[in-house]
Amino acid sequence: MTEKIRVTADYSVINRGIELWILQDDNKVAELTFIPYTPGNRVQSTLSLSTKGGQDLMDQLWQCGLRPTEGQGSAGALLATEKHLSDMRTIVAKCLKMEL
């Protein structure tokens, strides 16, 4: 049986930053131990998340106040804005032609 592993994020007022928690089956907390890296040895990733797990983490980081460095809003919001601008251009073009 595969155990459910998830990563959660919370804003910490005390640390003035984001705290990440790695939980297993919602009742065990992971503690990370760093091991020396030897060049040439195969290294595995520290943690692997499902797509849903990654999305959940991203949503929690958003709730903590973090935003992407580049880009504004979501792709859906940008698409809606672009459509609105296109509609406005069409309306203005029709109005200008009527006045001429």
PDB file of N, CA and C in Angstrom:
ATOM      1  N   MET A   1       0.834  -1.183   0.000  1.00  0.00           N
ATOM      2  CA  MET A   1       0.000   0.000   0.000  1.00  0.00           C
ATOM      3  C   MET A   1       0.881   1.249   0.000  1.00  0.00           C
ATOM      4  N   THR A   2       0.579   2.184  -0.898  1.00  0.00           N
ATOM      5  CA  THR A   2       1.332   3.429  -0.974  1.00  0.00           C
ATOM      6  C   THR A   2       0.793   4.409   0.056  1.00  0.00           C
ATOM      7  N   GLU A   3       1.711   4.978   0.826  1.00  0.00           N
ATOM      8  CA  GLU A   3       1.297   5.947   1.831  1.00  0.00           C
ATOM      9  C   GLU A   3       1.127   7.300   1.186  1.00  0.00           C
ATOM     10  N   LYS A   4       0.143   8.046   1.648  1.00  0.00           N
ATOM     11  CA  LYS A   4      -0.121   9.366   1.101  1.00  0.00           C
ATOM     12  C   LYS A   4       0.895  10.355   1.656  1.00  0.00           C
ATOM     13  N   ILE A   5       1.648  10.982   0.759  1.00  0.00           N
ATOM     14  CA  ILE A   5       2.616  12.002   1.157  1.00  0.00           C
ATOM     15  C   ILE A   5       2.161  13.316   0.558  1.00  0.00           C
ATOM     16  N   ARG A   6       2.130  14.365   1.382  1.00  0.00           N
ATOM     17  CA  ARG A   6       1.773  15.682   0.866  1.00  0.00           C
ATOM     18  C   ARG A   6       2.647  16.738   1.494  1.00  0.00           C
ATOM     19  N   VAL A   7       2.770  17.831   0.801  1.00  0.00           N
ATOM     20  CA  VAL A   7       3.557  18.964   1.274  1.00  0.00           C
ATOM     21  C   VAL A   7       2.588  20.113   1.482  1.00  0.00           C
ATOM     22  N   THR A   8       2.644  20.732   2.649  1.00  0.00           N
ATOM     23  CA  THR A   8       1.790  21.874   2.924  1.00  0.00           C
ATOM     24  C   THR A   8       2.660  23.093   3.225  1.00  0.00           C
ATOM     25  N   ALA A   9       2.075  24.244   3.087  1.00  0.00           N
ATOM     26  CA  ALA A   9       2.791  25.498   3.333  1.00  0.00           C
ATOM     27  C   ALA A   9       1.941  26.393   4.205  1.00  0.00           C
ATOM     28  N   ASP A  10       2.590  27.050   5.153  1.00  0.00           N
ATOM     29  CA  ASP A  10       1.923  28.011   6.037  1.00  0.00           C
ATOM     30  C   ASP A  10       2.831  29.209   6.213  1.00  0.00           C
ATOM     31  N   TYR A  11       2.225  30.394   6.307  1.00  0.00           N
ATOM     32  CA  TYR A  11       3.012  31.581   6.607  1.00  0.00           C
ATOM     33  C   TYR A  11       3.268  31.609   8.109  1.00  0.00           C
ATOM     34  N   SER A  12       4.508  31.831   8.502  1.00  0.00           N
ATOM     35  CA  SER A  12       4.888  31.888   9.916  1.00  0.00           C
ATOM     36  C   SER A  12       5.184  33.334  10.310  1.00  0.00           C
ATOM     37  N   VAL A  13       4.378  33.867  11.209  1.00  0.00           N
ATOM     38  CA  VAL A  13       4.601  35.224  11.698  1.00  0.00           C
ATOM     39  C   VAL A  13       5.909  35.272  12.488  1.00  0.00           C
ATOM     40  N   ILE A  14       6.188  34.245  13.255  1.00  0.00           N
ATOM     41  CA  ILE A  14       7.395  34.203  14.085  1.00  0.00           C
ATOM     42  C   ILE A  14       8.647  34.209  13.216  1.00  0.00           C
ATOM     43  N   ASN A  15       8.673  33.371  12.178  1.00  0.00           N
ATOM     44  CA  ASN A  15       9.847  33.284  11.302  1.00  0.00           C
ATOM     45  C   ASN A  15       9.804  34.294  10.154  1.00  0.00           C
ATOM     46  N   ARG A  16       8.669  34.963   9.996  1.00  0.00           N
ATOM     47  CA  ARG A  16       8.464  35.920   8.897  1.00  0.00           C
ATOM     48  C   ARG A  16       8.765  35.289   7.542  1.00  0.00           C
ATOM     49  N   GLY A  17       8.244  34.107   7.353  1.00  0.00           N
ATOM     50  CA  GLY A  17       8.471  33.400   6.107  1.00  0.00           C
ATOM     51  C   GLY A  17       7.520  32.229   5.961  1.00  0.00           C
ATOM     52  N   ILE A  18       7.766  31.429   4.975  1.00  0.00           N
ATOM     53  CA  ILE A  18       6.926  30.278   4.665  1.00  0.00           C
ATOM     54  C   ILE A  18       7.526  29.022   5.287  1.00  0.00           C
ATOM     55  N   GLU A  19       6.697  28.271   5.980  1.00  0.00           N
ATOM     56  CA  GLU A  19       7.117  26.984   6.530  1.00  0.00           C
ATOM     57  C   GLU A  19       6.535  25.876   5.660  1.00  0.00           C
ATOM     58  N   LEU A  20       7.366  24.933   5.271  1.00  0.00           N
ATOM     59  CA  LEU A  20       6.914  23.776   4.508  1.00  0.00           C
ATOM     60  C   LEU A  20       6.876  22.554   5.423  1.00  0.00           C
ATOM     61  N   TRP A  21       5.827  21.786   5.288  1.00  0.00           N
ATOM     62  CA  TRP A  21       5.664  20.566   6.077  1.00  0.00           C
ATOM     63  C   TRP A  21       5.475  19.403   5.120  1.00  0.00           C
ATOM     64  N   ILE A  22       6.217  18.326   5.352  1.00  0.00           N
ATOM     65  CA  ILE A  22       6.049  17.100   4.575  1.00  0.00           C
ATOM     66  C   ILE A  22       5.354  16.106   5.497  1.00  0.00           C
ATOM     67  N   LEU A  23       4.158  15.717   5.103  1.00  0.00           N
ATOM     68  CA  LEU A  23       3.332  14.843   5.943  1.00  0.00           C
ATOM     69  C   LEU A  23       3.103  13.507   5.252  1.00  0.00           C
ATOM     70  N   GLN A  24       3.045  12.460   6.064  1.00  0.00           N
ATOM     71  CA  GLN A  24       2.747  11.122   5.556  1.00  0.00           C
ATOM     72  C   GLN A  24       1.489  10.637   6.255  1.00  0.00           C
ATOM     73  N   ASP A  25       0.498  10.258   5.469  1.00  0.00           N
ATOM     74  CA  ASP A  25      -0.777   9.784   6.013  1.00  0.00           C
ATOM     75  C   ASP A  25      -1.381  10.772   7.002  1.00  0.00           C
ATOM     76  N   ASP A  26      -1.088  12.056   6.852  1.00  0.00           N
ATOM     77  CA  ASP A  26      -1.655  13.135   7.659  1.00  0.00           C
ATOM     78  C   ASP A  26      -1.325  13.076   9.151  1.00  0.00           C
ATOM     79  N   ASN A  27      -0.468  12.148   9.586  1.00  0.00           N
ATOM     80  CA  ASN A  27      -0.154  12.122  11.011  1.00  0.00           C
ATOM     81  C   ASN A  27       1.328  11.943  11.315  1.00  0.00           C
ATOM     82  N   LYS A  28       2.172  11.847  10.288  1.00  0.00           N
ATOM     83  CA  LYS A  28       3.614  11.728  10.498  1.00  0.00           C
ATOM     84  C   LYS A  28       4.301  12.890   9.796  1.00  0.00           C
ATOM     85  N   VAL A  29       5.208  13.546  10.485  1.00  0.00           N
ATOM     86  CA  VAL A  29       5.940  14.675   9.924  1.00  0.00           C
ATOM     87  C   VAL A  29       7.345  14.226   9.573  1.00  0.00           C
ATOM     88  N   ALA A  30       7.800  14.565   8.379  1.00  0.00           N
ATOM     89  CA  ALA A  30       9.134  14.179   7.930  1.00  0.00           C
ATOM     90  C   ALA A  30      10.181  15.164   8.439  1.00  0.00           C
ATOM     91  N   GLU A  31      11.322  14.646   8.806  1.00  0.00           N
ATOM     92  CA  GLU A  31      12.492  15.465   9.099  1.00  0.00           C
ATOM     93  C   GLU A  31      13.542  15.097   8.067  1.00  0.00           C
ATOM     94  N   LEU A  32      14.120  16.122   7.443  1.00  0.00           N
ATOM     95  CA  LEU A  32      15.111  15.864   6.410  1.00  0.00           C
ATOM     96  C   LEU A  32      16.506  15.742   7.008  1.00  0.00           C
ATOM     97  N   THR A  33      17.264  14.805   6.486  1.00  0.00           N
ATOM     98  CA  THR A  33      18.660  14.649   6.870  1.00  0.00           C
ATOM     99  C   THR A  33      19.507  14.832   5.623  1.00  0.00           C
ATOM    100  N   PHE A  34      20.458  15.737   5.676  1.00  0.00           N
ATOM    101  CA  PHE A  34      21.337  15.965   4.538  1.00  0.00           C
ATOM    102  C   PHE A  34      22.463  14.950   4.561  1.00  0.00           C
ATOM    103  N   ILE A  35      22.756  14.404   3.377  1.00  0.00           N
ATOM    104  CA  ILE A  35      23.848  13.453   3.259  1.00  0.00           C
ATOM    105  C   ILE A  35      24.868  14.014   2.269  1.00  0.00           C
ATOM    106  N   PRO A  36      26.129  13.666   2.441  1.00  0.00           N
ATOM    107  CA  PRO A  36      27.146  14.190   1.526  1.00  0.00           C
ATOM    108  C   PRO A  36      26.926  13.679   0.099  1.00  0.00           C
ATOM    109  N   TYR A  37      27.165  14.554  -0.841  1.00  0.00           N
ATOM    110  CA  TYR A  37      27.078  14.170  -2.246  1.00  0.00           C
ATOM    111  C   TYR A  37      28.472  13.813  -2.734  1.00  0.00           C
ATOM    112  N   THR A  38      28.572  12.658  -3.348  1.00  0.00           N
ATOM    113  CA  THR A  38      29.834  12.229  -3.938  1.00  0.00           C
ATOM    114  C   THR A  38      29.674  12.251  -5.448  1.00  0.00           C
ATOM    115  N   PRO A  39      30.477  13.064  -6.145  1.00  0.00           N
ATOM    116  CA  PRO A  39      30.356  13.130  -7.599  1.00  0.00           C
ATOM    117  C   PRO A  39      30.418  11.731  -8.222  1.00  0.00           C
ATOM    118  N   GLY A  40      29.540  11.509  -9.169  1.00  0.00           N
ATOM    119  CA  GLY A  40      29.492  10.216  -9.848  1.00  0.00           C
ATOM    120  C   GLY A  40      28.437   9.293  -9.279  1.00  0.00           C
ATOM    121  N   ASN A  41      28.007   9.524  -8.037  1.00  0.00           N
ATOM    122  CA  ASN A  41      26.957   8.693  -7.451  1.00  0.00           C
ATOM    123  C   ASN A  41      25.597   9.140  -7.964  1.00  0.00           C
ATOM    124  N   ARG A  42      24.741   8.183  -8.147  1.00  0.00           N
ATOM    125  CA  ARG A  42      23.382   8.502  -8.588  1.00  0.00           C
ATOM    126  C   ARG A  42      22.618   9.127  -7.425  1.00  0.00           C
ATOM    127  N   VAL A  43      21.931  10.219  -7.708  1.00  0.00           N
ATOM    128  CA  VAL A  43      21.173  10.926  -6.684  1.00  0.00           C
ATOM    129  C   VAL A  43      19.701  10.920  -7.069  1.00  0.00           C
ATOM    130  N   GLN A  44      18.849  10.625  -6.105  1.00  0.00           N
ATOM    131  CA  GLN A  44      17.408  10.663  -6.337  1.00  0.00           C
ATOM    132  C   GLN A  44      16.864  12.000  -5.853  1.00  0.00           C
ATOM    133  N   SER A  45      15.709  12.377  -6.374  1.00  0.00           N
ATOM    134  CA  SER A  45      15.099  13.619  -5.912  1.00  0.00           C
ATOM    135  C   SER A  45      14.730  13.483  -4.434  1.00  0.00           C
ATOM    136  N   THR A  46      14.676  14.597  -3.755  1.00  0.00           N
ATOM    137  CA  THR A  46      14.326  14.592  -2.337  1.00  0.00           C
ATOM    138  C   THR A  46      12.878  14.182  -2.138  1.00  0.00           C
ATOM    139  N   LEU A  47      12.024  14.635  -3.052  1.00  0.00           N
ATOM    140  CA  LEU A  47      10.599  14.374  -2.903  1.00  0.00           C
ATOM    141  C   LEU A  47       9.941  14.405  -4.266  1.00  0.00           C
ATOM    142  N   SER A  48       8.966  13.569  -4.477  1.00  0.00           N
ATOM    143  CA  SER A  48       8.196  13.561  -5.713  1.00  0.00           C
ATOM    144  C   SER A  48       6.729  13.778  -5.369  1.00  0.00           C
ATOM    145  N   LEU A  49       6.098  14.729  -6.056  1.00  0.00           N
ATOM    146  CA  LEU A  49       4.690  15.028  -5.823  1.00  0.00           C
ATOM    147  C   LEU A  49       3.876  14.676  -7.059  1.00  0.00           C
ATOM    148  N   SER A  50       2.643  14.290  -6.850  1.00  0.00           N
ATOM    149  CA  SER A  50       1.732  14.116  -7.975  1.00  0.00           C
ATOM    150  C   SER A  50       1.398  15.504  -8.517  1.00  0.00           C
ATOM    151  N   THR A  51       0.797  15.551  -9.683  1.00  0.00           N
ATOM    152  CA  THR A  51       0.392  16.830 -10.250  1.00  0.00           C
ATOM    153  C   THR A  51      -0.589  17.531  -9.315  1.00  0.00           C
ATOM    154  N   LYS A  52      -1.523  16.790  -8.756  1.00  0.00           N
ATOM    155  CA  LYS A  52      -2.480  17.375  -7.812  1.00  0.00           C
ATOM    156  C   LYS A  52      -1.766  17.879  -6.564  1.00  0.00           C
ATOM    157  N   GLY A  53      -0.800  17.110  -6.067  1.00  0.00           N
ATOM    158  CA  GLY A  53      -0.037  17.536  -4.900  1.00  0.00           C
ATOM    159  C   GLY A  53       0.733  18.820  -5.168  1.00  0.00           C
ATOM    160  N   GLY A  54       1.313  18.920  -6.362  1.00  0.00           N
ATOM    161  CA  GLY A  54       2.024  20.141  -6.745  1.00  0.00           C
ATOM    162  C   GLY A  54       1.086  21.320  -6.850  1.00  0.00           C
ATOM    163  N   GLN A  55      -0.105  21.088  -7.420  1.00  0.00           N
ATOM    164  CA  GLN A  55      -1.093  22.157  -7.534  1.00  0.00           C
ATOM    165  C   GLN A  55      -1.565  22.607  -6.155  1.00  0.00           C
ATOM    166  N   ASP A  56      -1.797  21.646  -5.259  1.00  0.00           N
ATOM    167  CA  ASP A  56      -2.208  21.983  -3.892  1.00  0.00           C
ATOM    168  C   ASP A  56      -1.157  22.839  -3.203  1.00  0.00           C
ATOM    169  N   LEU A  57       0.121  22.470  -3.372  1.00  0.00           N
ATOM    170  CA  LEU A  57       1.210  23.241  -2.770  1.00  0.00           C
ATOM    171  C   LEU A  57       1.252  24.648  -3.357  1.00  0.00           C
ATOM    172  N   MET A  58       1.110  24.742  -4.681  1.00  0.00           N
ATOM    173  CA  MET A  58       1.128  26.053  -5.319  1.00  0.00           C
ATOM    174  C   MET A  58      -0.031  26.920  -4.817  1.00  0.00           C
ATOM    175  N   ASP A  59      -1.208  26.332  -4.665  1.00  0.00           N
ATOM    176  CA  ASP A  59      -2.360  27.068  -4.148  1.00  0.00           C
ATOM    177  C   ASP A  59      -2.111  27.552  -2.720  1.00  0.00           C
ATOM    178  N   GLN A  60      -1.498  26.716  -1.899  1.00  0.00           N
ATOM    179  CA  GLN A  60      -1.199  27.112  -0.520  1.00  0.00           C
ATOM    180  C   GLN A  60      -0.159  28.224  -0.480  1.00  0.00           C
ATOM    181  N   LEU A  61       0.844  28.161  -1.349  1.00  0.00           N
ATOM    182  CA  LEU A  61       1.842  29.227  -1.418  1.00  0.00           C
ATOM    183  C   LEU A  61       1.194  30.533  -1.865  1.00  0.00           C
ATOM    184  N   TRP A  62       0.226  30.449  -2.772  1.00  0.00           N
ATOM    185  CA  TRP A  62      -0.520  31.635  -3.205  1.00  0.00           C
ATOM    186  C   TRP A  62      -1.275  32.229  -2.015  1.00  0.00           C
ATOM    187  N   GLN A  63      -1.909  31.356  -1.223  1.00  0.00           N
ATOM    188  CA  GLN A  63      -2.642  31.819  -0.042  1.00  0.00           C
ATOM    189  C   GLN A  63      -1.711  32.452   0.988  1.00  0.00           C
ATOM    190  N   CYS A  64      -0.447  32.046   0.979  1.00  0.00           N
ATOM    191  CA  CYS A  64       0.544  32.626   1.889  1.00  0.00           C
ATOM    192  C   CYS A  64       1.054  33.976   1.369  1.00  0.00           C
ATOM    193  N   GLY A  65       0.623  34.365   0.176  1.00  0.00           N
ATOM    194  CA  GLY A  65       1.006  35.658  -0.366  1.00  0.00           C
ATOM    195  C   GLY A  65       2.102  35.628  -1.412  1.00  0.00           C
ATOM    196  N   LEU A  66       2.571  34.447  -1.796  1.00  0.00           N
ATOM    197  CA  LEU A  66       3.611  34.364  -2.820  1.00  0.00           C
ATOM    198  C   LEU A  66       2.987  34.417  -4.201  1.00  0.00           C
ATOM    199  N   ARG A  67       3.657  35.150  -5.110  1.00  0.00           N
ATOM    200  CA  ARG A  67       3.203  35.276  -6.487  1.00  0.00           C
ATOM    201  C   ARG A  67       4.377  34.999  -7.414  1.00  0.00           C
ATOM    202  N   PRO A  68       4.100  34.573  -8.647  1.00  0.00           N
ATOM    203  CA  PRO A  68       5.191  34.367  -9.607  1.00  0.00           C
ATOM    204  C   PRO A  68       5.971  35.662  -9.812  1.00  0.00           C
ATOM    205  N   THR A  69       7.263  35.545 -10.031  1.00  0.00           N
ATOM    206  CA  THR A  69       8.101  36.716 -10.251  1.00  0.00           C
ATOM    207  C   THR A  69       7.696  37.436 -11.525  1.00  0.00           C
ATOM    208  N   GLU A  70       7.433  36.679 -12.575  1.00  0.00           N
ATOM    209  CA  GLU A  70       7.011  37.263 -13.845  1.00  0.00           C
ATOM    210  C   GLU A  70       5.601  36.819 -14.160  1.00  0.00           C
ATOM    211  N   GLY A  71       4.863  37.657 -14.832  1.00  0.00           N
ATOM    212  CA  GLY A  71       3.502  37.313 -15.219  1.00  0.00           C
ATOM    213  C   GLY A  71       2.497  37.884 -14.244  1.00  0.00           C
ATOM    214  N   GLN A  72       1.334  38.118 -14.735  1.00  0.00           N
ATOM    215  CA  GLN A  72       0.272  38.691 -13.925  1.00  0.00           C
ATOM    216  C   GLN A  72      -0.931  37.770 -13.951  1.00  0.00           C
ATOM    217  N   GLY A  73      -1.411  37.372 -12.798  1.00  0.00           N
ATOM    218  CA  GLY A  73      -2.628  36.588 -12.716  1.00  0.00           C
ATOM    219  C   GLY A  73      -2.527  35.238 -13.381  1.00  0.00           C
ATOM    220  N   SER A  74      -3.669  34.640 -13.585  1.00  0.00           N
ATOM    221  CA  SER A  74      -3.701  33.321 -14.196  1.00  0.00           C
ATOM    222  C   SER A  74      -3.863  33.446 -15.705  1.00  0.00           C
ATOM    223  N   ALA A  75      -3.593  32.362 -16.387  1.00  0.00           N
ATOM    224  CA  ALA A  75      -3.732  32.350 -17.845  1.00  0.00           C
ATOM    225  C   ALA A  75      -5.180  32.631 -18.239  1.00  0.00           C
ATOM    226  N   GLY A  76      -6.120  32.132 -17.466  1.00  0.00           N
ATOM    227  CA  GLY A  76      -7.537  32.369 -17.751  1.00  0.00           C
ATOM    228  C   GLY A  76      -7.900  33.837 -17.641  1.00  0.00           C
ATOM    229  N   ALA A  77      -7.389  34.508 -16.633  1.00  0.00           N
ATOM    230  CA  ALA A  77      -7.663  35.935 -16.455  1.00  0.00           C
ATOM    231  C   ALA A  77      -7.045  36.733 -17.594  1.00  0.00           C
ATOM    232  N   LEU A  78      -5.846  36.361 -18.006  1.00  0.00           N
ATOM    233  CA  LEU A  78      -5.186  37.056 -19.104  1.00  0.00           C
ATOM    234  C   LEU A  78      -5.963  36.860 -20.404  1.00  0.00           C
ATOM    235  N   LEU A  79      -6.433  35.667 -20.655  1.00  0.00           N
ATOM    236  CA  LEU A  79      -7.214  35.394 -21.857  1.00  0.00           C
ATOM    237  C   LEU A  79      -8.494  36.221 -21.865  1.00  0.00           C
ATOM    238  N   ALA A  80      -9.167  36.326 -20.728  1.00  0.00           N
ATOM    239  CA  ALA A  80     -10.385  37.126 -20.635  1.00  0.00           C
ATOM    240  C   ALA A  80     -10.086  38.600 -20.901  1.00  0.00           C
ATOM    241  N   THR A  81      -8.973  39.100 -20.391  1.00  0.00           N
ATOM    242  CA  THR A  81      -8.575  40.490 -20.618  1.00  0.00           C
ATOM    243  C   THR A  81      -8.285  40.734 -22.090  1.00  0.00           C
ATOM    244  N   GLU A  82      -7.577  39.805 -22.733  1.00  0.00           N
ATOM    245  CA  GLU A  82      -7.272  39.943 -24.155  1.00  0.00           C
ATOM    246  C   GLU A  82      -8.553  39.955 -24.992  1.00  0.00           C
ATOM    247  N   LYS A  83      -9.516  39.106 -24.635  1.00  0.00           N
ATOM    248  CA  LYS A  83     -10.792  39.080 -25.362  1.00  0.00           C
ATOM    249  C   LYS A  83     -11.528  40.394 -25.169  1.00  0.00           C
ATOM    250  N   HIS A  84     -11.535  40.907 -23.961  1.00  0.00           N
ATOM    251  CA  HIS A  84     -12.191  42.183 -23.669  1.00  0.00           C
ATOM    252  C   HIS A  84     -11.554  43.305 -24.491  1.00  0.00           C
ATOM    253  N   LEU A  85     -10.232  43.356 -24.534  1.00  0.00           N
ATOM    254  CA  LEU A  85      -9.552  44.390 -25.321  1.00  0.00           C
ATOM    255  C   LEU A  85      -9.889  44.277 -26.801  1.00  0.00           C
ATOM    256  N   SER A  86      -9.976  43.066 -27.303  1.00  0.00           N
ATOM    257  CA  SER A  86     -10.338  42.851 -28.696  1.00  0.00           C
ATOM    258  C   SER A  86     -11.750  43.384 -28.965  1.00  0.00           C
ATOM    259  N   ASP A  87     -12.673  43.091 -28.040  1.00  0.00           N
ATOM    260  CA  ASP A  87     -14.041  43.605 -28.178  1.00  0.00           C
ATOM    261  C   ASP A  87     -14.053  45.135 -28.167  1.00  0.00           C
ATOM    262  N   MET A  88     -13.285  45.745 -27.279  1.00  0.00           N
ATOM    263  CA  MET A  88     -13.234  47.201 -27.193  1.00  0.00           C
ATOM    264  C   MET A  88     -12.667  47.814 -28.475  1.00  0.00           C
ATOM    265  N   ARG A  89     -11.655  47.174 -29.049  1.00  0.00           N
ATOM    266  CA  ARG A  89     -11.091  47.666 -30.316  1.00  0.00           C
ATOM    267  C   ARG A  89     -12.142  47.625 -31.422  1.00  0.00           C
ATOM    268  N   THR A  90     -12.919  46.549 -31.458  1.00  0.00           N
ATOM    269  CA  THR A  90     -13.970  46.416 -32.471  1.00  0.00           C
ATOM    270  C   THR A  90     -15.012  47.518 -32.308  1.00  0.00           C
ATOM    271  N   ILE A  91     -15.417  47.772 -31.075  1.00  0.00           N
ATOM    272  CA  ILE A  91     -16.413  48.815 -30.810  1.00  0.00           C
ATOM    273  C   ILE A  91     -15.878  50.187 -31.214  1.00  0.00           C
ATOM    274  N   VAL A  92     -14.654  50.505 -30.843  1.00  0.00           N
ATOM    275  CA  VAL A  92     -14.067  51.802 -31.180  1.00  0.00           C
ATOM    276  C   VAL A  92     -13.939  51.952 -32.691  1.00  0.00           C
ATOM    277  N   ALA A  93     -13.498  50.908 -33.364  1.00  0.00           N
ATOM    278  CA  ALA A  93     -13.350  50.971 -34.814  1.00  0.00           C
ATOM    279  C   ALA A  93     -14.704  51.234 -35.481  1.00  0.00           C
ATOM    280  N   LYS A  94     -15.757  50.599 -35.034  1.00  0.00           N
ATOM    281  CA  LYS A  94     -17.099  50.814 -35.596  1.00  0.00           C
ATOM    282  C   LYS A  94     -17.572  52.245 -35.320  1.00  0.00           C
ATOM    283  N   CYS A  95     -17.323  52.748 -34.124  1.00  0.00           N
ATOM    284  CA  CYS A  95     -17.752  54.111 -33.772  1.00  0.00           C
ATOM    285  C   CYS A  95     -17.015  55.140 -34.612  1.00  0.00           C
ATOM    286  N   LEU A  96     -15.739  54.974 -34.811  1.00  0.00           N
ATOM    287  CA  LEU A  96     -14.944  55.935 -35.596  1.00  0.00           C
ATOM    288  C   LEU A  96     -15.392  55.945 -37.054  1.00  0.00           C
ATOM    289  N   LYS A  97     -15.728  54.791 -37.600  1.00  0.00           N
ATOM    290  CA  LYS A  97     -16.176  54.721 -38.982  1.00  0.00           C
ATOM    291  C   LYS A  97     -17.525  55.404 -39.149  1.00  0.00           C
ATOM    292  N   MET A  98     -18.364  55.334 -38.117  1.00  0.00           N
ATOM    293  CA  MET A  98     -19.682  55.958 -38.187  1.00  0.00           C
ATOM    294  C   MET A  98     -19.570  57.486 -38.189  1.00  0.00           C
ATOM    295  N   GLU A  99     -18.564  58.029 -37.510  1.00  0.00           N
ATOM    296  CA  GLU A  99     -18.411  59.466 -37.409  1.00  0.00           C
ATOM    297  C   GLU A  99     -17.806  60.051 -38.672  1.00  0.00           C
ATOM    298  N   LEU A 100     -17.085  59.289 -39.451  1.00  0.00           N
ATOM    299  CA  LEU A 100     -16.402  59.805 -40.638  1.00  0.00           C
ATOM    300  C   LEU A 100     -17.304  60.125 -41.764  1.00  0.00           C
TER     301      LEU A 100
END
